[in-house]
Amino acid sequence: MNIKNELTMSQKAASFNKGRYLQMFIVSGGRGIGKTKKLIEHAIAENGIIVCRDPEVLRARAHKYGITGLNVISYEELANRIIVHPSKPLFIHDLNSFIEYNFQEVKGYTFCDE
């Protein structure tokens, strides 16, 4: 099986901050295998906010899955700190797109998937 077509999920200790580990949920895999749906499910379960390029498109996709009441903001809203509640976890939809939108000067990054 091609690894790019598999959905892999992991919850990791992403960083150590002030004596506590911060957990990060990461979903990776090829196109059309359910990454967005898993991200939406985790955001709903944790009462989080999804940050994406186009909130209306993501809301429509969630509606197609039968999910309503999704809390979604755009990359621009996050960059300008509009409508962000500091105690709610953020879930980034499409990290590559997020980086390209906010940091045009970034030409590469590393990613640890263990």
Protein backbone atom coordinates (compact mmCIF):
# COMPACT_ATOMS: atom_id res chain seq x y z
CA MET A 1 0.00 0.00 0.00
CA ASN A 2 1.26 3.48 -0.84
CA ILE A 3 1.97 5.38 2.39
CA LYS A 4 0.69 8.63 0.84
CA ASN A 5 -2.77 7.08 0.49
CA GLU A 6 -2.99 5.97 4.11
CA LEU A 7 -4.46 8.12 6.84
CA THR A 8 -2.05 8.39 9.73
CA MET A 9 -2.93 10.10 12.95
CA SER A 10 -0.93 10.64 16.07
CA GLN A 11 -1.13 12.65 19.21
CA LYS A 12 2.29 13.87 20.25
CA ALA A 13 4.11 15.84 22.86
CA ALA A 14 4.84 18.73 20.52
CA SER A 15 6.74 20.94 22.89
CA PHE A 16 7.64 21.40 26.51
CA ASN A 17 6.38 24.70 27.89
CA LYS A 18 6.54 25.87 31.51
CA GLY A 19 6.81 22.36 32.92
CA ARG A 20 4.02 20.77 30.91
CA TYR A 21 3.78 18.99 27.58
CA LEU A 22 1.53 20.47 24.96
CA GLN A 23 -0.26 17.80 22.93
CA MET A 24 -0.70 18.19 19.18
CA PHE A 25 -3.05 16.14 17.02
CA ILE A 26 -1.59 15.59 13.54
CA VAL A 27 -3.45 14.10 10.57
CA SER A 28 -1.50 13.26 7.43
CA GLY A 29 -2.08 11.30 4.24
CA GLY A 30 -3.04 11.60 0.59
CA ARG A 31 -5.99 13.39 -0.98
CA GLY A 32 -9.53 12.23 -0.33
CA ILE A 33 -8.93 9.85 2.58
CA GLY A 34 -10.68 11.72 5.40
CA LYS A 35 -8.08 14.07 6.90
CA THR A 36 -10.45 17.03 6.99
CA LYS A 37 -13.25 14.97 8.53
CA LYS A 38 -10.92 13.73 11.30
CA LEU A 39 -9.73 17.27 11.98
CA ILE A 40 -13.34 18.49 12.18
CA GLU A 41 -14.26 15.65 14.55
CA HIS A 42 -11.36 16.46 16.88
CA ALA A 43 -12.09 20.19 16.81
CA ILE A 44 -15.74 19.52 17.74
CA ALA A 45 -14.73 17.08 20.51
CA GLU A 46 -12.33 19.62 22.04
CA ASN A 47 -14.58 22.66 21.45
CA GLY A 48 -11.82 24.08 19.29
CA ILE A 49 -11.53 26.50 16.41
CA ILE A 50 -10.51 25.41 12.91
CA VAL A 51 -8.33 27.89 11.05
CA CYS A 52 -8.56 27.56 7.26
CA ARG A 53 -8.25 29.49 4.00
CA ASP A 54 -12.01 29.67 3.32
CA PRO A 55 -14.34 29.11 6.30
CA GLU A 56 -17.49 28.90 4.15
CA VAL A 57 -16.05 26.04 2.10
CA LEU A 58 -15.10 24.16 5.27
CA ARG A 59 -18.53 24.75 6.83
CA ALA A 60 -20.15 23.38 3.66
CA ARG A 61 -17.93 20.29 3.82
CA ALA A 62 -18.81 19.78 7.51
CA HIS A 63 -22.51 20.14 6.64
CA LYS A 64 -22.04 17.42 4.01
CA TYR A 65 -20.75 15.18 6.84
CA GLY A 66 -23.83 16.07 8.90
CA ILE A 67 -21.86 18.34 11.26
CA THR A 68 -23.21 21.76 12.22
CA GLY A 69 -22.08 24.45 14.63
CA LEU A 70 -18.45 24.29 13.57
CA ASN A 71 -16.29 27.13 14.88
CA VAL A 72 -14.16 28.22 11.90
CA ILE A 73 -12.04 31.29 11.19
CA SER A 74 -9.85 32.28 8.27
CA TYR A 75 -6.06 32.54 8.18
CA GLU A 76 -6.51 36.30 7.94
CA GLU A 77 -8.74 36.43 11.02
CA LEU A 78 -6.13 34.52 13.01
CA ALA A 79 -3.29 36.74 11.74
CA ASN A 80 -5.27 39.81 12.80
CA ARG A 81 -6.43 38.11 16.03
CA ILE A 82 -10.07 38.61 15.09
CA ILE A 83 -12.63 36.33 16.77
CA VAL A 84 -10.04 34.19 18.57
CA HIS A 85 -10.81 32.97 22.07
CA PRO A 86 -7.50 32.49 23.93
CA SER A 87 -8.59 29.39 25.85
CA LYS A 88 -9.89 27.44 22.84
CA PRO A 89 -7.52 25.09 21.01
CA LEU A 90 -6.73 25.88 17.38
CA PHE A 91 -6.76 23.28 14.62
CA ILE A 92 -5.00 24.31 11.40
CA HIS A 93 -6.52 22.95 8.20
CA ASP A 94 -3.84 22.45 5.52
CA LEU A 95 -0.62 23.50 7.21
CA ASN A 96 1.21 24.01 3.90
CA SER A 97 -1.42 26.49 2.75
CA PHE A 98 -1.37 28.21 6.16
CA ILE A 99 2.39 28.72 5.99
CA GLU A 100 2.28 29.94 2.38
CA TYR A 101 -0.52 32.41 3.20
CA ASN A 102 1.10 33.88 6.31
CA PHE A 103 4.81 33.55 5.61
CA GLN A 104 5.52 33.93 1.90
CA GLU A 105 9.27 34.05 2.63
CA VAL A 106 9.28 30.47 4.02
CA LYS A 107 10.72 28.12 1.40
CA GLY A 108 10.82 24.93 3.45
CA TYR A 109 10.31 23.31 6.81
CA THR A 110 10.90 19.97 8.55
CA PHE A 111 8.22 17.70 9.88
CA CYS A 112 8.65 14.85 12.36
CA ASP A 113 6.02 12.13 11.96
CA GLU A 114 6.83 9.73 14.79
